[in-house]
C-alpha atoms as a PDB file:
ATOM      1  CA  MET A   1      -0.010  -0.039  -0.001  1.00  0.00           C
ATOM      2  CA  GLU A   2       1.162   3.543  -0.957  1.00  0.00           C
ATOM      3  CA  ILE A   3       2.185   5.937   1.974  1.00  0.00           C
ATOM      4  CA  ASP A   4      -0.547   8.314   0.769  1.00  0.00           C
ATOM      5  CA  GLU A   5      -3.256   5.572   1.186  1.00  0.00           C
ATOM      6  CA  ILE A   6      -1.734   4.436   4.488  1.00  0.00           C
ATOM      7  CA  VAL A   7      -1.950   8.119   5.755  1.00  0.00           C
ATOM      8  CA  HIS A   8      -5.399   8.637   4.509  1.00  0.00           C
ATOM      9  CA  MET A   9      -6.738   5.290   6.113  1.00  0.00           C
ATOM     10  CA  LEU A  10      -4.818   6.368   9.359  1.00  0.00           C
ATOM     11  CA  LEU A  11      -6.354   9.898   9.661  1.00  0.00           C
ATOM     12  CA  HIS A  12      -9.746   8.525   8.878  1.00  0.00           C
ATOM     13  CA  ALA A  13      -9.544   5.899  11.617  1.00  0.00           C
ATOM     14  CA  LEU A  14      -7.955   8.530  14.041  1.00  0.00           C
ATOM     15  CA  SER A  15     -11.013  10.808  13.706  1.00  0.00           C
ATOM     16  CA  GLU A  16     -13.643   7.972  14.212  1.00  0.00           C
ATOM     17  CA  ASP A  17     -15.969   8.998  16.919  1.00  0.00           C
ATOM     18  CA  SER A  18     -16.621   5.381  18.178  1.00  0.00           C
ATOM     19  CA  VAL A  19     -13.015   5.140  19.467  1.00  0.00           C
ATOM     20  CA  GLY A  20     -12.054   8.766  20.343  1.00  0.00           C
ATOM     21  CA  GLU A  21     -12.303   8.405  24.047  1.00  0.00           C
ATOM     22  CA  ARG A  22     -10.165   5.249  24.183  1.00  0.00           C
ATOM     23  CA  LEU A  23      -7.546   6.715  21.840  1.00  0.00           C
ATOM     24  CA  ASP A  24      -7.236   9.588  24.347  1.00  0.00           C
ATOM     25  CA  SER A  25      -6.233   7.302  27.065  1.00  0.00           C
ATOM     26  CA  ALA A  26      -4.003   4.921  25.076  1.00  0.00           C
ATOM     27  CA  LYS A  27      -0.397   4.982  26.416  1.00  0.00           C
ATOM     28  CA  SER A  28       1.507   3.417  23.517  1.00  0.00           C
ATOM     29  CA  GLN A  29       1.247   2.928  19.641  1.00  0.00           C
ATOM     30  CA  GLN A  30       0.485  -0.897  20.423  1.00  0.00           C
ATOM     31  CA  GLU A  31      -2.718   0.266  22.336  1.00  0.00           C
ATOM     32  CA  VAL A  32      -3.614   2.574  19.611  1.00  0.00           C
ATOM     33  CA  TYR A  33      -3.177   0.038  16.915  1.00  0.00           C
ATOM     34  CA  ALA A  34      -5.187  -2.487  18.970  1.00  0.00           C
ATOM     35  CA  ILE A  35      -8.046  -0.035  19.301  1.00  0.00           C
ATOM     36  CA  LEU A  36      -7.975   1.098  15.474  1.00  0.00           C
ATOM     37  CA  SER A  37      -7.797  -2.589  14.553  1.00  0.00           C
ATOM     38  CA  GLU A  38     -11.323  -2.976  15.953  1.00  0.00           C
ATOM     39  CA  ILE A  39     -12.783  -0.584  13.221  1.00  0.00           C
ATOM     40  CA  PRO A  40     -13.792  -2.923  10.176  1.00  0.00           C
ATOM     41  CA  TYR A  41     -12.039  -0.720   7.546  1.00  0.00           C
ATOM     42  CA  PHE A  42      -8.765  -0.410   9.411  1.00  0.00           C
ATOM     43  CA  THR A  43      -6.557  -3.058   7.450  1.00  0.00           C
ATOM     44  CA  LEU A  44      -3.140  -1.734   8.056  1.00  0.00           C
ATOM     45  CA  SER A  45      -0.369  -3.961   9.402  1.00  0.00           C
ATOM     46  CA  MET A  46       1.471  -2.734  12.337  1.00  0.00           C
ATOM     47  CA  GLU A  47       4.542  -1.928   9.854  1.00  0.00           C
ATOM     48  CA  GLU A  48       2.149   0.206   7.707  1.00  0.00           C
ATOM     49  CA  PHE A  49       0.652   1.812  10.822  1.00  0.00           C
ATOM     50  CA  GLN A  50       4.007   2.709  12.120  1.00  0.00           C
ATOM     51  CA  ALA A  51       5.198   3.982   8.623  1.00  0.00           C
ATOM     52  CA  GLY A  52       2.062   6.144   8.696  1.00  0.00           C
ATOM     53  CA  ILE A  53       2.742   7.562  12.057  1.00  0.00           C
ATOM     54  CA  ARG A  54       6.241   8.585  10.993  1.00  0.00           C
ATOM     55  CA  GLU A  55       4.792  10.235   7.935  1.00  0.00           C
ATOM     56  CA  LEU A  56       2.429  12.191   9.909  1.00  0.00           C
ATOM     57  CA  ARG A  57       5.137  13.249  12.218  1.00  0.00           C
ATOM     58  CA  GLN A  58       7.181  14.401   9.261  1.00  0.00           C
ATOM     59  CA  MET A  59       4.271  16.236   7.729  1.00  0.00           C
ATOM     60  CA  LYS A  60       3.799  18.111  11.100  1.00  0.00           C
ATOM     61  CA  GLU A  61       7.546  19.063  11.287  1.00  0.00           C
ATOM     62  CA  ASP A  62       7.478  20.191   7.755  1.00  0.00           C
ATOM     63  CA  GLU A  63       4.605  22.936   8.576  1.00  0.00           C
END
């Protein structure tokens, strides 16, 4: 999957109302990944998820 597709899916999942409160209390990337994995359309592997997080951080730094 291309990084743009990964970031798009990640942003969509992170803004999902059904998991918002649980994400706020997550203490690690593994917890966030486990929560997001409960969303039916979230099909990223852990490696893709981590690549997406790195890309989002880079995008934020580039602003």
